[in-house]
Amino acid sequence: MEANEPAPTWCPSGEAHAAESVVLGVRSGRDGRLTYLADPVPAADVLGDIPADVEPRRVLRFASHCVTDCVNRQGNDCALVNRVLAKPSEGQAVPRCHLRAQCQWWHQVGVEACRRCPAVSTLHYIDDELAELVADPTTTRAQLDAWIAAAD
């Protein structure tokens, strides 16, 4: 990185196997919500401890550098966080997070992204239609609003 080049932002829904990847948190409970780690742990330090038949994203969430060729990238912004905002925050507290100062979602949207972040999953199941819509980079805000209105 050049001296005048800005530091990269981090994606809180990042790749497990990127060289810089860290564990953001551990999935817990029946709802799979994220319990954040107090300090970053390099993903490479834990991936070998996960049984081969367990998908790492099923139990952990990873953070890695935002990359320009990401399917969710729109200019300098992340379209994923805009779709994540469609999920209700249910007045949840803002979690303590070691990533916040470098987080793309925080810089782009602020505290509302943090309120929803614990419920974000990078591993989706076929029967979770809203999660599929949020994860799909082609989904528009209007489509999400229509789904939410139909579910009410």
Protein backbone atom coordinates (compact mmCIF):
# COMPACT_ATOMS: atom_id res chain seq x y z
CA MET A 1 0.00 0.00 0.00
CA GLU A 2 1.32 3.43 -0.98
CA ALA A 3 1.84 6.03 1.77
CA ASN A 4 -0.99 8.23 0.44
CA GLU A 5 -3.31 5.32 -0.37
CA PRO A 6 -6.22 4.91 2.08
CA ALA A 7 -6.33 1.79 4.21
CA PRO A 8 -8.72 -0.83 2.86
CA THR A 9 -12.12 -1.12 4.41
CA TRP A 10 -13.22 -4.47 5.77
CA CYS A 11 -16.26 -6.51 4.86
CA PRO A 12 -18.07 -7.97 7.90
CA SER A 13 -19.39 -10.69 5.61
CA GLY A 14 -16.02 -11.61 4.17
CA GLU A 15 -14.19 -14.59 2.81
CA ALA A 16 -12.87 -17.23 5.19
CA HIS A 17 -9.83 -18.07 3.09
CA ALA A 18 -8.53 -14.58 2.21
CA ALA A 19 -4.98 -14.07 3.48
CA GLU A 20 -6.02 -11.27 5.88
CA SER A 21 -9.30 -12.88 6.96
CA VAL A 22 -10.22 -12.81 10.65
CA VAL A 23 -13.00 -14.40 12.65
CA LEU A 24 -15.57 -11.72 13.42
CA GLY A 25 -17.69 -13.91 15.64
CA VAL A 26 -19.26 -17.25 16.44
CA ARG A 27 -22.77 -18.32 15.52
CA SER A 28 -24.73 -19.28 18.59
CA GLY A 29 -28.16 -20.45 19.63
CA ARG A 30 -31.04 -21.73 17.53
CA ASP A 31 -31.37 -18.47 15.63
CA GLY A 32 -27.72 -18.46 14.51
CA ARG A 33 -27.11 -14.91 15.74
CA LEU A 34 -23.53 -13.80 15.97
CA THR A 35 -21.61 -13.53 19.22
CA TYR A 36 -18.73 -11.18 18.48
CA LEU A 37 -15.16 -11.91 19.52
CA ALA A 38 -13.50 -9.26 21.67
CA ASP A 39 -10.34 -9.42 19.56
CA PRO A 40 -9.71 -10.53 16.00
CA VAL A 41 -8.45 -14.06 15.49
CA PRO A 42 -6.77 -14.88 12.17
CA ALA A 43 -9.02 -17.24 10.23
CA ALA A 44 -6.02 -19.35 9.27
CA ASP A 45 -5.51 -20.12 12.98
CA VAL A 46 -8.94 -21.74 13.34
CA LEU A 47 -9.96 -23.12 9.95
CA GLY A 48 -7.88 -26.26 10.49
CA ASP A 49 -9.76 -26.97 13.73
CA ILE A 50 -13.16 -27.14 12.05
CA PRO A 51 -14.14 -30.69 11.06
CA ALA A 52 -13.97 -31.32 7.31
CA ASP A 53 -17.69 -32.05 7.11
CA VAL A 54 -18.66 -28.70 8.70
CA GLU A 55 -18.89 -25.65 6.49
CA PRO A 56 -16.88 -22.94 8.39
CA ARG A 57 -19.55 -20.28 7.73
CA ARG A 58 -22.10 -22.44 9.55
CA VAL A 59 -20.34 -21.78 12.87
CA LEU A 60 -18.21 -18.67 12.26
CA ARG A 61 -18.47 -15.36 10.47
CA PHE A 62 -15.43 -13.90 8.82
CA ALA A 63 -14.23 -10.44 7.91
CA SER A 64 -11.81 -9.67 5.11
CA HIS A 65 -10.82 -6.71 2.96
CA CYS A 66 -13.47 -5.28 0.67
CA VAL A 67 -12.41 -5.99 -2.90
CA THR A 68 -13.24 -4.08 -6.05
CA ASP A 69 -14.35 -7.18 -7.97
CA CYS A 70 -16.95 -8.18 -5.34
CA VAL A 71 -20.39 -8.91 -6.80
CA ASN A 72 -21.88 -6.57 -4.16
CA ARG A 73 -19.61 -3.63 -5.03
CA GLN A 74 -21.22 -0.57 -6.61
CA GLY A 75 -18.56 2.07 -7.09
CA ASN A 76 -17.14 2.70 -3.61
CA ASP A 77 -20.23 1.32 -1.87
CA CYS A 78 -21.42 -2.08 -0.77
CA ALA A 79 -24.88 -2.93 -2.10
CA LEU A 80 -25.19 -5.81 0.38
CA VAL A 81 -25.45 -3.48 3.38
CA ASN A 82 -28.29 -1.62 1.68
CA ARG A 83 -30.16 -4.91 1.33
CA VAL A 84 -29.30 -5.84 4.93
CA LEU A 85 -31.07 -2.65 6.04
CA ALA A 86 -34.31 -4.22 4.81
CA LYS A 87 -34.16 -6.67 7.71
CA PRO A 88 -35.88 -5.24 10.80
CA SER A 89 -33.51 -4.27 13.59
CA GLU A 90 -36.12 -4.90 16.29
CA GLY A 91 -34.51 -2.22 18.46
CA GLN A 92 -31.44 -4.35 19.05
CA ALA A 93 -28.47 -2.93 20.87
CA VAL A 94 -25.33 -2.13 18.94
CA PRO A 95 -22.87 -4.97 19.56
CA ARG A 96 -19.29 -4.43 20.61
CA CYS A 97 -17.21 -5.12 17.52
CA HIS A 98 -13.46 -5.06 16.92
CA LEU A 99 -14.02 -4.37 13.21
CA ARG A 100 -16.07 -1.17 13.43
CA ALA A 101 -13.31 1.40 12.83
CA GLN A 102 -12.39 -0.28 9.52
CA CYS A 103 -15.85 -1.64 8.60
CA GLN A 104 -17.25 -0.70 5.19
CA TRP A 105 -20.82 -1.06 6.45
CA TRP A 106 -20.17 1.29 9.40
CA HIS A 107 -18.51 3.89 7.17
CA GLN A 108 -21.25 3.65 4.57
CA VAL A 109 -24.43 3.43 6.69
CA GLY A 110 -23.52 3.84 10.34
CA VAL A 111 -25.19 2.43 13.40
CA GLU A 112 -28.20 0.89 11.62
CA ALA A 113 -25.89 -1.57 9.87
CA CYS A 114 -24.44 -2.52 13.26
CA ARG A 115 -27.90 -3.20 14.68
CA ARG A 116 -28.61 -5.73 11.92
CA CYS A 117 -25.14 -7.21 11.58
CA PRO A 118 -25.57 -9.99 14.22
CA ALA A 119 -28.41 -11.52 12.21
CA VAL A 120 -26.52 -11.56 8.90
CA SER A 121 -25.53 -14.99 7.67
CA THR A 122 -23.09 -15.80 4.90
CA LEU A 123 -24.50 -19.31 4.64
CA HIS A 124 -28.09 -19.47 3.47
CA TYR A 125 -30.63 -22.22 3.38
CA ILE A 126 -33.06 -22.79 0.54
CA ASP A 127 -36.16 -22.43 2.72
CA ASP A 128 -35.23 -18.92 3.96
CA GLU A 129 -36.70 -16.72 1.23
CA LEU A 130 -35.84 -13.38 2.87
CA ALA A 131 -32.21 -14.44 3.42
CA GLU A 132 -32.02 -15.48 -0.24
CA LEU A 133 -33.40 -12.10 -1.35
CA VAL A 134 -30.97 -10.19 0.87
CA ALA A 135 -28.02 -12.26 -0.36
CA ASP A 136 -28.89 -11.88 -4.06
CA PRO A 137 -26.99 -8.91 -5.53
CA THR A 138 -29.72 -8.40 -8.15
CA THR A 139 -32.47 -7.88 -5.57
CA THR A 140 -33.77 -4.33 -5.48
CA ARG A 141 -35.02 -2.44 -2.45
CA ALA A 142 -38.49 -2.44 -4.03
CA GLN A 143 -38.47 -6.25 -4.20
CA LEU A 144 -37.48 -6.47 -0.53
CA ASP A 145 -40.16 -3.98 0.48
CA ALA A 146 -42.76 -5.99 -1.47
CA TRP A 147 -41.70 -9.23 0.23
CA ILE A 148 -41.85 -7.62 3.68
CA ALA A 149 -45.28 -6.11 2.95
CA ALA A 150 -46.59 -9.49 1.78
CA ALA A 151 -45.23 -11.21 4.90
CA ASP A 152 -46.98 -8.78 7.28
